[in-house]
Amino acid sequence: MNKQILSEEFRRMQKLAGIITEDQYIQYINEFSFHSSPDEDTPGNKQFVAFKEDDKYSIQGDTHGKLSHAIKHFGEFDPNSLSSELNGAINYIKTVENPILKNINGSDIASGDNAKKQLTPNAILNTFDFINDKIVNNQELTPEEKEIKSKFLDKLNSDYEKLVQEYISGGTDVNNMKEEEIKKLLSSNKKIAFKGSYKGNEVEYILDPSNTGLLAKKGDNVSTLFRIDKKGNDISKVGAYLNRGVEINNPELKKVLNIQIQSTPSTQ
């Protein structure tokens, strides 16, 4: 018996003995890590807020992890919550003494009151990403950045993590199902779980047809959770997306999603 199975059995026995609660046990069995990779893009108008004159935005290291995914994708699922965090950060920055609005290319745009007047949600998204990069790269945060992290980024990170856990714990396995069975699940907006491969690597997917949310993971390592149709639930867009490089194991699911047998590689 391997170490992971022994650990799971130990936790199960703890639950039965009343040492840990049902919620703690469920949280344990749904534990996951997030794959980190280099961040290759920046949202919006390529502006961000700094609190030190010599701070510069530079893309370095594997900074595209869970928090980075939350910054990029959580608003696709809950735009009102994201908007609340962004507006909260804007209002906080308006209270600090001398924020500096910078261009990602390195030049200052405005500072002080002039910077406060030009704050936008996109600039705050970049600021969130900038703070995330500093955290991942073990760079010291300014007091203002620590405040933004504790007041806004931590909640955003937590909300996205809960969403990921909902997907992991909620998908019906359709790997051996027939076409009609899969159609019934999709028509009733039930999450489905299925296996495939991407660039030669086996990947597990969980799809929510109600909003085209798609989670991809390898074992307990989550690669991403995002919405394919950003504003709706057009299942044909799911098929079109998966047809660009994902090889689904179940041919019955391919029929449902109108995925062709031969697919060509794409990048996400």
C-alpha atoms as a PDB file:
ATOM      1  CA  MET A   1       0.000   0.000   0.000  1.00  0.00           C
ATOM      2  CA  ASN A   2       1.544   3.334  -1.029  1.00  0.00           C
ATOM      3  CA  LYS A   3       2.011   6.384   1.164  1.00  0.00           C
ATOM      4  CA  GLN A   4      -0.901   8.357  -0.319  1.00  0.00           C
ATOM      5  CA  ILE A   5      -3.398   5.509   0.246  1.00  0.00           C
ATOM      6  CA  LEU A   6      -2.163   5.106   3.835  1.00  0.00           C
ATOM      7  CA  SER A   7      -2.573   8.847   4.423  1.00  0.00           C
ATOM      8  CA  GLU A   8      -6.118   8.826   3.020  1.00  0.00           C
ATOM      9  CA  GLU A   9      -7.042   5.794   5.141  1.00  0.00           C
ATOM     10  CA  PHE A  10      -5.612   7.487   8.233  1.00  0.00           C
ATOM     11  CA  ARG A  11      -7.709  10.597   7.581  1.00  0.00           C
ATOM     12  CA  ARG A  12     -10.806   8.441   7.016  1.00  0.00           C
ATOM     13  CA  MET A  13     -10.280   6.726  10.359  1.00  0.00           C
ATOM     14  CA  GLN A  14      -9.818  10.113  12.040  1.00  0.00           C
ATOM     15  CA  LYS A  15     -13.157  11.198  10.608  1.00  0.00           C
ATOM     16  CA  LEU A  16     -14.894   8.026  11.841  1.00  0.00           C
ATOM     17  CA  ALA A  17     -13.363   8.534  15.279  1.00  0.00           C
ATOM     18  CA  GLY A  18     -14.628  12.117  15.418  1.00  0.00           C
ATOM     19  CA  ILE A  19     -11.136  13.628  15.460  1.00  0.00           C
ATOM     20  CA  ILE A  20     -11.797  15.690  12.323  1.00  0.00           C
ATOM     21  CA  THR A  21     -15.135  17.034  11.050  1.00  0.00           C
ATOM     22  CA  GLU A  22     -16.949  16.074   7.859  1.00  0.00           C
ATOM     23  CA  ASP A  23     -16.033  19.437   6.300  1.00  0.00           C
ATOM     24  CA  GLN A  24     -12.354  18.976   7.208  1.00  0.00           C
ATOM     25  CA  TYR A  25     -12.369  15.479   5.680  1.00  0.00           C
ATOM     26  CA  ILE A  26     -13.996  16.693   2.456  1.00  0.00           C
ATOM     27  CA  GLN A  27     -11.494  19.551   2.272  1.00  0.00           C
ATOM     28  CA  TYR A  28      -8.644  17.066   2.701  1.00  0.00           C
ATOM     29  CA  ILE A  29      -9.768  14.667  -0.049  1.00  0.00           C
ATOM     30  CA  ASN A  30     -10.269  17.640  -2.373  1.00  0.00           C
ATOM     31  CA  GLU A  31      -6.853  19.180  -1.686  1.00  0.00           C
ATOM     32  CA  PHE A  32      -5.021  20.315  -4.781  1.00  0.00           C
ATOM     33  CA  SER A  33      -1.967  22.191  -5.922  1.00  0.00           C
ATOM     34  CA  PHE A  34      -1.826  24.644  -8.797  1.00  0.00           C
ATOM     35  CA  HIS A  35       0.574  24.330 -11.694  1.00  0.00           C
ATOM     36  CA  SER A  36       2.803  27.402 -12.037  1.00  0.00           C
ATOM     37  CA  SER A  37       4.158  28.615 -15.361  1.00  0.00           C
ATOM     38  CA  PRO A  38       5.633  31.806 -16.823  1.00  0.00           C
ATOM     39  CA  ASP A  39       3.082  34.618 -17.189  1.00  0.00           C
ATOM     40  CA  GLU A  40       3.073  35.752 -20.781  1.00  0.00           C
ATOM     41  CA  ASP A  41       0.418  38.459 -20.873  1.00  0.00           C
ATOM     42  CA  THR A  42      -0.918  41.459 -18.990  1.00  0.00           C
ATOM     43  CA  PRO A  43      -4.545  42.600 -18.902  1.00  0.00           C
ATOM     44  CA  GLY A  44      -5.994  45.911 -19.966  1.00  0.00           C
ATOM     45  CA  ASN A  45      -4.204  49.114 -20.769  1.00  0.00           C
ATOM     46  CA  LYS A  46      -0.742  48.041 -19.520  1.00  0.00           C
ATOM     47  CA  GLN A  47      -0.710  50.422 -16.566  1.00  0.00           C
ATOM     48  CA  PHE A  48      -0.163  49.559 -12.916  1.00  0.00           C
ATOM     49  CA  VAL A  49       0.185  51.307  -9.574  1.00  0.00           C
ATOM     50  CA  ALA A  50       3.486  51.318  -7.713  1.00  0.00           C
ATOM     51  CA  PHE A  51       4.354  52.719  -4.302  1.00  0.00           C
ATOM     52  CA  LYS A  52       8.114  52.974  -4.844  1.00  0.00           C
ATOM     53  CA  GLU A  53       9.672  55.106  -7.539  1.00  0.00           C
ATOM     54  CA  ASP A  54      12.153  52.434  -8.631  1.00  0.00           C
ATOM     55  CA  ASP A  55       9.565  49.616  -8.933  1.00  0.00           C
ATOM     56  CA  LYS A  56       9.307  48.209 -12.446  1.00  0.00           C
ATOM     57  CA  TYR A  57       6.955  45.638 -13.948  1.00  0.00           C
ATOM     58  CA  SER A  58       8.940  42.741 -15.346  1.00  0.00           C
ATOM     59  CA  ILE A  59       7.822  39.219 -16.243  1.00  0.00           C
ATOM     60  CA  GLN A  60      10.170  36.724 -14.617  1.00  0.00           C
ATOM     61  CA  GLY A  61       9.846  33.295 -13.053  1.00  0.00           C
ATOM     62  CA  ASP A  62       6.893  30.895 -12.909  1.00  0.00           C
ATOM     63  CA  THR A  63       4.423  33.464 -11.576  1.00  0.00           C
ATOM     64  CA  HIS A  64       1.285  32.222 -13.329  1.00  0.00           C
ATOM     65  CA  GLY A  65      -0.056  30.101 -10.460  1.00  0.00           C
ATOM     66  CA  LYS A  66      -3.316  29.986  -8.505  1.00  0.00           C
ATOM     67  CA  LEU A  67      -3.517  33.664  -7.553  1.00  0.00           C
ATOM     68  CA  SER A  68      -2.524  34.721 -11.067  1.00  0.00           C
ATOM     69  CA  HIS A  69      -5.282  32.485 -12.481  1.00  0.00           C
ATOM     70  CA  ALA A  70      -7.738  33.980  -9.991  1.00  0.00           C
ATOM     71  CA  ILE A  71      -6.836  37.501 -11.124  1.00  0.00           C
ATOM     72  CA  LYS A  72      -7.222  36.511 -14.758  1.00  0.00           C
ATOM     73  CA  HIS A  73     -10.271  34.225 -14.643  1.00  0.00           C
ATOM     74  CA  PHE A  74     -12.412  34.716 -11.506  1.00  0.00           C
ATOM     75  CA  GLY A  75     -14.270  37.649 -13.058  1.00  0.00           C
ATOM     76  CA  GLU A  76     -15.507  35.324 -15.815  1.00  0.00           C
ATOM     77  CA  PHE A  77     -17.518  33.466 -13.161  1.00  0.00           C
ATOM     78  CA  ASP A  78     -18.438  36.278 -10.776  1.00  0.00           C
ATOM     79  CA  PRO A  79     -17.921  39.702 -12.370  1.00  0.00           C
ATOM     80  CA  ASN A  80     -19.736  41.498  -9.550  1.00  0.00           C
ATOM     81  CA  SER A  81     -17.405  40.106  -6.880  1.00  0.00           C
ATOM     82  CA  LEU A  82     -14.329  40.973  -8.921  1.00  0.00           C
ATOM     83  CA  SER A  83     -15.661  44.474  -9.555  1.00  0.00           C
ATOM     84  CA  SER A  84     -16.197  44.914  -5.818  1.00  0.00           C
ATOM     85  CA  GLU A  85     -12.569  43.976  -5.085  1.00  0.00           C
ATOM     86  CA  LEU A  86     -11.240  46.244  -7.839  1.00  0.00           C
ATOM     87  CA  ASN A  87     -13.323  49.224  -6.688  1.00  0.00           C
ATOM     88  CA  GLY A  88     -12.320  48.555  -3.095  1.00  0.00           C
ATOM     89  CA  ALA A  89      -8.659  48.631  -4.093  1.00  0.00           C
ATOM     90  CA  ILE A  90      -9.174  51.861  -6.046  1.00  0.00           C
ATOM     91  CA  ASN A  91     -10.798  53.507  -3.018  1.00  0.00           C
ATOM     92  CA  TYR A  92      -7.969  52.315  -0.769  1.00  0.00           C
ATOM     93  CA  ILE A  93      -5.247  53.613  -3.118  1.00  0.00           C
ATOM     94  CA  LYS A  94      -6.975  57.009  -3.104  1.00  0.00           C
ATOM     95  CA  THR A  95      -6.242  57.209   0.628  1.00  0.00           C
ATOM     96  CA  VAL A  96      -2.483  56.601   0.411  1.00  0.00           C
ATOM     97  CA  GLU A  97      -0.026  59.475   0.213  1.00  0.00           C
ATOM     98  CA  ASN A  98       1.743  59.153  -3.117  1.00  0.00           C
ATOM     99  CA  PRO A  99       0.731  56.339  -5.477  1.00  0.00           C
ATOM    100  CA  ILE A 100       2.522  56.247  -8.824  1.00  0.00           C
ATOM    101  CA  LEU A 101       0.691  55.233 -11.980  1.00  0.00           C
ATOM    102  CA  LYS A 102       3.242  53.627 -14.244  1.00  0.00           C
ATOM    103  CA  ASN A 103       3.365  52.249 -17.733  1.00  0.00           C
ATOM    104  CA  ILE A 104       4.478  48.619 -17.831  1.00  0.00           C
ATOM    105  CA  ASN A 105       7.197  49.672 -20.266  1.00  0.00           C
ATOM    106  CA  GLY A 106       8.793  51.635 -17.430  1.00  0.00           C
ATOM    107  CA  SER A 107       7.684  55.261 -17.672  1.00  0.00           C
ATOM    108  CA  ASP A 108       5.723  57.198 -15.038  1.00  0.00           C
ATOM    109  CA  ILE A 109       2.284  58.397 -16.118  1.00  0.00           C
ATOM    110  CA  ALA A 110       1.155  60.299 -13.039  1.00  0.00           C
ATOM    111  CA  SER A 111       1.680  60.453  -9.295  1.00  0.00           C
ATOM    112  CA  GLY A 112      -0.175  61.628  -6.207  1.00  0.00           C
ATOM    113  CA  ASP A 113      -3.612  63.154  -6.801  1.00  0.00           C
ATOM    114  CA  ASN A 114      -3.160  63.044 -10.573  1.00  0.00           C
ATOM    115  CA  ALA A 115      -2.586  59.288 -10.387  1.00  0.00           C
ATOM    116  CA  LYS A 116      -5.626  58.835  -8.155  1.00  0.00           C
ATOM    117  CA  LYS A 117      -7.830  60.506 -10.765  1.00  0.00           C
ATOM    118  CA  GLN A 118      -6.686  58.106 -13.492  1.00  0.00           C
ATOM    119  CA  LEU A 119      -7.110  54.782 -11.706  1.00  0.00           C
ATOM    120  CA  THR A 120      -9.011  52.177 -13.733  1.00  0.00           C
ATOM    121  CA  PRO A 121     -10.092  48.570 -13.054  1.00  0.00           C
ATOM    122  CA  ASN A 122      -7.637  47.325 -15.680  1.00  0.00           C
ATOM    123  CA  ALA A 123      -4.776  49.169 -14.011  1.00  0.00           C
ATOM    124  CA  ILE A 124      -5.765  47.558 -10.702  1.00  0.00           C
ATOM    125  CA  LEU A 125      -5.802  44.107 -12.319  1.00  0.00           C
ATOM    126  CA  ASN A 126      -2.233  44.755 -13.433  1.00  0.00           C
ATOM    127  CA  THR A 127      -1.393  45.974  -9.922  1.00  0.00           C
ATOM    128  CA  PHE A 128      -2.799  42.749  -8.465  1.00  0.00           C
ATOM    129  CA  ASP A 129      -0.671  40.770 -10.912  1.00  0.00           C
ATOM    130  CA  PHE A 130       2.388  42.879 -10.065  1.00  0.00           C
ATOM    131  CA  ILE A 131       1.916  42.135  -6.348  1.00  0.00           C
ATOM    132  CA  ASN A 132       1.426  38.434  -7.114  1.00  0.00           C
ATOM    133  CA  ASP A 133       4.701  38.368  -9.040  1.00  0.00           C
ATOM    134  CA  LYS A 134       6.546  39.966  -6.119  1.00  0.00           C
ATOM    135  CA  ILE A 135       5.084  37.376  -3.734  1.00  0.00           C
ATOM    136  CA  VAL A 136       6.041  34.429  -5.941  1.00  0.00           C
ATOM    137  CA  ASN A 137       9.542  35.802  -6.520  1.00  0.00           C
ATOM    138  CA  ASN A 138      10.042  36.416  -2.770  1.00  0.00           C
ATOM    139  CA  GLN A 139      10.367  40.169  -3.184  1.00  0.00           C
ATOM    140  CA  GLU A 140       9.466  42.413  -0.270  1.00  0.00           C
ATOM    141  CA  LEU A 141       6.065  44.095  -0.452  1.00  0.00           C
ATOM    142  CA  THR A 142       5.554  47.730   0.489  1.00  0.00           C
ATOM    143  CA  PRO A 143       3.113  48.434   3.371  1.00  0.00           C
ATOM    144  CA  GLU A 144       0.531  49.503   0.793  1.00  0.00           C
ATOM    145  CA  GLU A 145       0.946  46.283  -1.186  1.00  0.00           C
ATOM    146  CA  LYS A 146       0.609  44.231   2.004  1.00  0.00           C
ATOM    147  CA  GLU A 147      -2.646  46.055   2.706  1.00  0.00           C
ATOM    148  CA  ILE A 148      -3.959  45.374  -0.800  1.00  0.00           C
ATOM    149  CA  LYS A 149      -3.018  41.722  -0.451  1.00  0.00           C
ATOM    150  CA  SER A 150      -4.755  41.260   2.901  1.00  0.00           C
ATOM    151  CA  LYS A 151      -7.868  43.285   2.024  1.00  0.00           C
ATOM    152  CA  PHE A 152      -8.489  42.228  -1.574  1.00  0.00           C
ATOM    153  CA  LEU A 153      -6.117  39.630  -3.045  1.00  0.00           C
ATOM    154  CA  ASP A 154      -6.505  37.089  -0.243  1.00  0.00           C
ATOM    155  CA  LYS A 155     -10.294  37.099  -0.665  1.00  0.00           C
ATOM    156  CA  LEU A 156     -10.019  36.805  -4.440  1.00  0.00           C
ATOM    157  CA  ASN A 157      -7.623  33.896  -4.034  1.00  0.00           C
ATOM    158  CA  SER A 158      -9.908  32.188  -1.509  1.00  0.00           C
ATOM    159  CA  ASP A 159     -13.026  32.604  -3.667  1.00  0.00           C
ATOM    160  CA  TYR A 160     -11.275  31.142  -6.706  1.00  0.00           C
ATOM    161  CA  GLU A 161      -9.951  28.227  -4.636  1.00  0.00           C
ATOM    162  CA  LYS A 162     -13.487  27.447  -3.447  1.00  0.00           C
ATOM    163  CA  LEU A 163     -14.678  27.506  -7.046  1.00  0.00           C
ATOM    164  CA  VAL A 164     -11.924  25.077  -8.055  1.00  0.00           C
ATOM    165  CA  GLN A 165     -12.885  22.755  -5.191  1.00  0.00           C
ATOM    166  CA  GLU A 166     -16.531  22.837  -6.316  1.00  0.00           C
ATOM    167  CA  TYR A 167     -15.484  21.634  -9.759  1.00  0.00           C
ATOM    168  CA  ILE A 168     -13.162  18.920  -8.440  1.00  0.00           C
ATOM    169  CA  SER A 169     -15.843  17.473  -6.163  1.00  0.00           C
ATOM    170  CA  GLY A 170     -18.804  17.817  -8.519  1.00  0.00           C
ATOM    171  CA  GLY A 171     -18.194  16.152 -11.892  1.00  0.00           C
ATOM    172  CA  THR A 172     -20.016  13.019 -13.113  1.00  0.00           C
ATOM    173  CA  ASP A 173     -17.604  10.605 -14.808  1.00  0.00           C
ATOM    174  CA  VAL A 174     -18.640  10.177 -18.459  1.00  0.00           C
ATOM    175  CA  ASN A 175     -15.573   8.314 -19.696  1.00  0.00           C
ATOM    176  CA  ASN A 176     -17.603   5.146 -20.355  1.00  0.00           C
ATOM    177  CA  MET A 177     -21.006   6.704 -21.063  1.00  0.00           C
ATOM    178  CA  LYS A 178     -22.948   6.589 -24.299  1.00  0.00           C
ATOM    179  CA  GLU A 179     -23.968   9.615 -26.334  1.00  0.00           C
ATOM    180  CA  GLU A 180     -27.567   9.847 -25.083  1.00  0.00           C
ATOM    181  CA  GLU A 181     -26.555   9.574 -21.427  1.00  0.00           C
ATOM    182  CA  ILE A 182     -24.040  12.396 -21.848  1.00  0.00           C
ATOM    183  CA  LYS A 183     -26.608  14.564 -23.639  1.00  0.00           C
ATOM    184  CA  LYS A 184     -29.014  14.180 -20.709  1.00  0.00           C
ATOM    185  CA  LEU A 185     -26.374  15.347 -18.257  1.00  0.00           C
ATOM    186  CA  LEU A 186     -25.460  18.354 -20.382  1.00  0.00           C
ATOM    187  CA  SER A 187     -29.077  19.329 -20.987  1.00  0.00           C
ATOM    188  CA  SER A 188     -29.660  19.324 -17.217  1.00  0.00           C
ATOM    189  CA  ASN A 189     -26.529  21.455 -16.675  1.00  0.00           C
ATOM    190  CA  LYS A 190     -24.696  18.760 -14.699  1.00  0.00           C
ATOM    191  CA  LYS A 191     -20.924  18.996 -14.476  1.00  0.00           C
ATOM    192  CA  ILE A 192     -19.170  16.186 -16.339  1.00  0.00           C
ATOM    193  CA  ALA A 193     -15.682  14.742 -15.843  1.00  0.00           C
ATOM    194  CA  PHE A 194     -13.718  13.166 -18.666  1.00  0.00           C
ATOM    195  CA  LYS A 195     -10.182  12.252 -19.674  1.00  0.00           C
ATOM    196  CA  GLY A 196      -8.132  13.321 -22.648  1.00  0.00           C
ATOM    197  CA  SER A 197      -4.621  14.198 -23.655  1.00  0.00           C
ATOM    198  CA  TYR A 198      -2.945  17.486 -24.516  1.00  0.00           C
ATOM    199  CA  LYS A 199       0.480  17.577 -26.149  1.00  0.00           C
ATOM    200  CA  GLY A 200       0.882  13.909 -25.302  1.00  0.00           C
ATOM    201  CA  ASN A 201       0.068  14.326 -21.593  1.00  0.00           C
ATOM    202  CA  GLU A 202      -2.994  12.764 -19.978  1.00  0.00           C
ATOM    203  CA  VAL A 203      -5.321  15.404 -18.553  1.00  0.00           C
ATOM    204  CA  GLU A 204      -8.547  15.198 -16.548  1.00  0.00           C
ATOM    205  CA  TYR A 205     -11.231  17.731 -17.451  1.00  0.00           C
ATOM    206  CA  ILE A 206     -14.356  18.885 -15.633  1.00  0.00           C
ATOM    207  CA  LEU A 207     -16.902  20.853 -17.653  1.00  0.00           C
ATOM    208  CA  ASP A 208     -19.848  22.867 -16.356  1.00  0.00           C
ATOM    209  CA  PRO A 209     -22.297  23.197 -19.272  1.00  0.00           C
ATOM    210  CA  SER A 210     -24.265  25.935 -17.503  1.00  0.00           C
ATOM    211  CA  ASN A 211     -21.443  28.435 -18.111  1.00  0.00           C
ATOM    212  CA  THR A 212     -18.823  26.479 -20.146  1.00  0.00           C
ATOM    213  CA  GLY A 213     -16.428  26.563 -17.202  1.00  0.00           C
ATOM    214  CA  LEU A 214     -13.584  24.098 -17.817  1.00  0.00           C
ATOM    215  CA  LEU A 215     -11.127  22.808 -15.240  1.00  0.00           C
ATOM    216  CA  ALA A 216      -8.024  20.925 -16.357  1.00  0.00           C
ATOM    217  CA  LYS A 217      -5.834  18.936 -13.990  1.00  0.00           C
ATOM    218  CA  LYS A 218      -3.205  16.222 -13.871  1.00  0.00           C
ATOM    219  CA  GLY A 219      -3.745  14.174 -10.735  1.00  0.00           C
ATOM    220  CA  ASP A 220      -4.021  16.681  -7.874  1.00  0.00           C
ATOM    221  CA  ASN A 221      -2.228  19.379  -9.881  1.00  0.00           C
ATOM    222  CA  VAL A 222      -4.688  21.887 -11.358  1.00  0.00           C
ATOM    223  CA  SER A 223      -3.633  23.604 -14.570  1.00  0.00           C
ATOM    224  CA  THR A 224      -6.478  26.099 -14.916  1.00  0.00           C
ATOM    225  CA  LEU A 225     -10.165  26.882 -14.452  1.00  0.00           C
ATOM    226  CA  PHE A 226     -11.717  29.317 -16.907  1.00  0.00           C
ATOM    227  CA  ARG A 227     -14.817  29.901 -19.016  1.00  0.00           C
ATOM    228  CA  ILE A 228     -14.660  29.053 -22.701  1.00  0.00           C
ATOM    229  CA  ASP A 229     -17.722  31.160 -23.552  1.00  0.00           C
ATOM    230  CA  LYS A 230     -16.983  34.217 -21.438  1.00  0.00           C
ATOM    231  CA  LYS A 231     -20.541  35.605 -21.463  1.00  0.00           C
ATOM    232  CA  GLY A 232     -22.800  32.639 -22.221  1.00  0.00           C
ATOM    233  CA  ASN A 233     -23.044  28.857 -22.363  1.00  0.00           C
ATOM    234  CA  ASP A 234     -22.639  27.979 -26.029  1.00  0.00           C
ATOM    235  CA  ILE A 235     -21.619  24.310 -25.970  1.00  0.00           C
ATOM    236  CA  SER A 236     -20.511  24.493 -29.612  1.00  0.00           C
ATOM    237  CA  LYS A 237     -17.690  26.766 -28.422  1.00  0.00           C
ATOM    238  CA  VAL A 238     -16.566  24.023 -26.044  1.00  0.00           C
ATOM    239  CA  GLY A 239     -16.280  21.565 -28.916  1.00  0.00           C
ATOM    240  CA  ALA A 240     -14.427  24.119 -31.041  1.00  0.00           C
ATOM    241  CA  TYR A 241     -11.984  24.836 -28.206  1.00  0.00           C
ATOM    242  CA  LEU A 242     -11.272  21.191 -27.407  1.00  0.00           C
ATOM    243  CA  ASN A 243     -10.905  20.367 -31.092  1.00  0.00           C
ATOM    244  CA  ARG A 244      -7.776  22.542 -31.192  1.00  0.00           C
ATOM    245  CA  GLY A 245      -5.336  20.146 -29.617  1.00  0.00           C
ATOM    246  CA  VAL A 246      -7.211  18.079 -27.005  1.00  0.00           C
ATOM    247  CA  GLU A 247      -7.694  14.385 -27.790  1.00  0.00           C
ATOM    248  CA  ILE A 248     -10.728  13.144 -25.821  1.00  0.00           C
ATOM    249  CA  ASN A 249     -10.692   9.464 -24.829  1.00  0.00           C
ATOM    250  CA  ASN A 250     -14.426   8.754 -25.132  1.00  0.00           C
ATOM    251  CA  PRO A 251     -15.580   8.843 -28.785  1.00  0.00           C
ATOM    252  CA  GLU A 252     -19.202   9.166 -27.582  1.00  0.00           C
ATOM    253  CA  LEU A 253     -18.371  12.493 -25.940  1.00  0.00           C
ATOM    254  CA  LYS A 254     -16.672  13.576 -29.157  1.00  0.00           C
ATOM    255  CA  LYS A 255     -19.967  13.026 -30.970  1.00  0.00           C
ATOM    256  CA  VAL A 256     -21.870  15.109 -28.434  1.00  0.00           C
ATOM    257  CA  LEU A 257     -19.410  17.998 -28.660  1.00  0.00           C
ATOM    258  CA  ASN A 258     -19.052  17.617 -32.434  1.00  0.00           C
ATOM    259  CA  ILE A 259     -15.315  17.043 -32.124  1.00  0.00           C
ATOM    260  CA  GLN A 260     -13.578  15.634 -35.152  1.00  0.00           C
ATOM    261  CA  ILE A 261     -11.398  12.540 -34.934  1.00  0.00           C
ATOM    262  CA  GLN A 262      -8.345  14.386 -36.250  1.00  0.00           C
ATOM    263  CA  SER A 263      -7.388  17.525 -34.333  1.00  0.00           C
ATOM    264  CA  THR A 264      -4.609  20.029 -34.749  1.00  0.00           C
ATOM    265  CA  PRO A 265      -2.425  21.413 -31.934  1.00  0.00           C
ATOM    266  CA  SER A 266      -3.092  24.849 -30.512  1.00  0.00           C
ATOM    267  CA  THR A 267      -1.810  26.932 -27.620  1.00  0.00           C
ATOM    268  CA  GLN A 268      -3.913  28.285 -24.801  1.00  0.00           C
END
